[in-house]
N, C-alpha and C. Protein backbone atom coordinates (compact mmCIF):
# COMPACT_ATOMS: atom_id res chain seq x y z
N MET A 1 0.92 -1.14 -0.01
CA MET A 1 0.10 0.04 0.06
C MET A 1 0.96 1.32 0.06
N GLU A 2 0.68 2.16 -1.00
CA GLU A 2 1.34 3.45 -1.06
C GLU A 2 0.78 4.38 -0.04
N SER A 3 1.56 5.00 0.74
CA SER A 3 1.16 6.02 1.73
C SER A 3 1.00 7.32 1.14
N ASP A 4 0.07 8.03 1.50
CA ASP A 4 -0.23 9.40 1.08
C ASP A 4 0.62 10.35 1.82
N ILE A 5 1.25 9.84 2.96
CA ILE A 5 2.05 10.71 3.99
C ILE A 5 3.42 10.42 3.61
N LEU A 6 4.22 11.41 3.39
CA LEU A 6 5.73 11.42 2.96
C LEU A 6 6.50 11.89 4.07
N THR A 7 7.73 11.35 4.26
CA THR A 7 8.79 11.86 5.37
C THR A 7 9.51 12.94 4.65
N ILE A 8 10.31 13.53 5.34
CA ILE A 8 11.25 14.59 4.79
C ILE A 8 12.17 13.92 3.70
N ARG A 9 12.70 12.69 4.00
CA ARG A 9 13.50 12.12 2.98
C ARG A 9 12.82 11.76 1.80
N GLU A 10 11.60 11.34 1.94
CA GLU A 10 10.71 11.08 0.61
C GLU A 10 10.25 12.21 -0.10
N VAL A 11 9.85 13.30 0.57
CA VAL A 11 9.55 14.59 -0.19
C VAL A 11 10.79 15.13 -0.90
N ALA A 12 11.97 15.05 -0.26
CA ALA A 12 13.19 15.53 -0.77
C ALA A 12 13.45 14.76 -2.13
N GLU A 13 13.33 13.46 -2.02
CA GLU A 13 13.53 12.69 -3.30
C GLU A 13 12.50 12.95 -4.43
N TYR A 14 11.26 13.16 -3.91
CA TYR A 14 10.13 13.37 -4.67
C TYR A 14 10.42 14.68 -5.60
N LEU A 15 10.84 15.68 -4.87
CA LEU A 15 11.05 16.98 -5.31
C LEU A 15 12.56 17.26 -5.96
N LYS A 16 13.31 16.16 -5.76
CA LYS A 16 14.73 16.16 -6.30
C LYS A 16 15.47 17.30 -5.74
N LEU A 17 15.24 17.41 -4.30
CA LEU A 17 15.93 18.23 -3.47
C LEU A 17 16.79 17.53 -2.51
N ASN A 18 17.89 18.28 -1.92
CA ASN A 18 18.74 17.79 -0.86
C ASN A 18 17.81 17.91 0.30
N GLU A 19 18.10 16.82 1.22
CA GLU A 19 17.10 16.77 2.34
C GLU A 19 17.23 18.00 3.28
N LYS A 20 18.46 18.68 3.34
CA LYS A 20 18.56 19.74 4.20
C LYS A 20 17.76 20.95 3.55
N THR A 21 17.68 20.98 2.28
CA THR A 21 16.86 22.09 1.57
C THR A 21 15.40 21.72 1.77
N ALA A 22 15.03 20.54 1.63
CA ALA A 22 13.62 20.20 1.89
C ALA A 22 13.12 20.61 3.42
N TYR A 23 14.05 20.39 4.38
CA TYR A 23 13.90 20.62 5.71
C TYR A 23 13.68 22.09 5.98
N ARG A 24 14.59 23.00 5.19
CA ARG A 24 14.57 24.32 5.34
C ARG A 24 13.21 24.96 4.73
N PHE A 25 12.88 24.48 3.39
CA PHE A 25 11.64 24.76 2.91
C PHE A 25 10.50 24.56 3.81
N ALA A 26 10.46 23.51 4.41
CA ALA A 26 9.28 23.01 5.35
C ALA A 26 9.33 24.06 6.50
N ALA A 27 10.44 24.21 7.05
CA ALA A 27 10.54 25.24 8.38
C ALA A 27 10.07 26.66 7.99
N GLU A 28 10.57 27.07 6.72
CA GLU A 28 10.19 28.33 6.25
C GLU A 28 8.68 28.48 5.72
N GLY A 29 7.91 27.42 5.61
CA GLY A 29 6.58 27.30 5.13
C GLY A 29 6.64 27.49 3.58
N LYS A 30 7.64 27.21 2.93
CA LYS A 30 7.73 27.29 1.44
C LYS A 30 7.07 26.01 0.80
N ILE A 31 7.05 24.84 1.54
CA ILE A 31 6.26 23.72 0.97
C ILE A 31 5.29 23.37 2.18
N PRO A 32 4.14 22.79 1.82
CA PRO A 32 3.11 22.50 2.72
C PRO A 32 3.42 21.10 3.53
N GLY A 33 3.62 21.35 4.81
CA GLY A 33 3.82 20.13 5.57
C GLY A 33 3.32 20.33 7.04
N PHE A 34 3.60 19.39 7.87
CA PHE A 34 3.17 19.42 9.37
C PHE A 34 4.05 18.59 10.16
N LYS A 35 4.04 18.80 11.35
CA LYS A 35 5.02 18.01 12.20
C LYS A 35 4.10 17.07 13.14
N VAL A 36 4.93 15.91 13.33
CA VAL A 36 4.16 14.69 14.15
C VAL A 36 5.30 14.37 14.96
N GLY A 37 5.14 14.76 16.30
CA GLY A 37 6.14 14.42 17.37
C GLY A 37 7.58 15.00 17.00
N GLY A 38 7.56 16.24 16.37
CA GLY A 38 8.89 16.81 16.04
C GLY A 38 9.34 16.52 14.57
N ALA A 39 8.71 15.59 13.98
CA ALA A 39 9.26 15.08 12.66
C ALA A 39 8.18 15.62 11.65
N TRP A 40 8.94 16.12 10.47
CA TRP A 40 8.12 16.72 9.35
C TRP A 40 7.32 15.64 8.50
N ARG A 41 6.15 15.74 8.27
CA ARG A 41 5.49 14.90 7.36
C ARG A 41 4.66 15.81 6.37
N PHE A 42 4.41 15.14 5.27
CA PHE A 42 3.79 15.89 3.98
C PHE A 42 2.87 15.06 3.38
N ARG A 43 1.66 15.58 3.08
CA ARG A 43 0.54 14.96 2.32
C ARG A 43 1.08 15.00 0.77
N LYS A 44 1.14 13.97 0.17
CA LYS A 44 1.51 13.83 -1.22
C LYS A 44 0.65 14.64 -2.08
N ARG A 45 -0.61 14.71 -1.91
CA ARG A 45 -1.63 15.46 -2.72
C ARG A 45 -1.45 16.89 -2.51
N ASP A 46 -0.97 17.38 -1.21
CA ASP A 46 -0.77 18.81 -0.96
C ASP A 46 0.55 19.12 -1.65
N ILE A 47 1.71 18.41 -1.81
CA ILE A 47 2.81 18.64 -2.52
C ILE A 47 2.42 18.77 -3.97
N ASP A 48 1.61 17.86 -4.57
CA ASP A 48 1.22 17.95 -5.96
C ASP A 48 0.60 19.22 -6.26
N LYS A 49 -0.26 19.65 -5.34
CA LYS A 49 -0.95 20.98 -5.61
C LYS A 49 -0.02 22.05 -5.60
N TRP A 50 0.99 22.04 -4.56
CA TRP A 50 1.92 23.04 -4.49
C TRP A 50 2.74 23.12 -5.91
N ILE A 51 3.22 22.01 -6.44
CA ILE A 51 3.83 21.86 -7.68
C ILE A 51 3.08 22.53 -8.72
N GLU A 52 1.80 22.17 -8.82
CA GLU A 52 0.90 22.75 -9.78
C GLU A 52 0.91 24.28 -9.67
N LYS A 53 0.82 24.85 -8.43
CA LYS A 53 0.80 26.17 -8.20
C LYS A 53 1.96 26.89 -8.68
N GLN A 54 3.20 26.27 -8.35
CA GLN A 54 4.56 26.81 -8.73
C GLN A 54 4.56 26.98 -10.26
N GLY A 55 4.06 26.14 -10.93
CA GLY A 55 3.97 26.09 -12.54
C GLY A 55 3.06 27.16 -12.96
N ASN A 56 2.06 27.41 -12.22
CA ASN A 56 0.99 28.55 -12.62
C ASN A 56 1.58 29.92 -12.39
N LYS A 57 2.54 30.09 -11.50
CA LYS A 57 3.09 31.47 -11.15
C LYS A 57 3.81 31.99 -12.21
N LYS A 58 4.49 31.03 -13.05
CA LYS A 58 5.23 31.43 -14.27
C LYS A 58 4.50 31.86 -15.43
N LYS A 59 3.18 31.72 -15.44
CA LYS A 59 2.29 31.99 -16.52
C LYS A 59 1.83 33.42 -16.55
């Protein structure tokens, strides 16, 4: 079963970012995420929407 929730490592891989960059983006609110017990988690659908929004900004 594929999870809709991604870890910081998974979201970094998905976005092709360095893990430290993904962490910084999350901490700065640049990518949508939430903390569970101090660890960042991301909903894949929220990341996909964010990607779509980033593409629309250039138009």
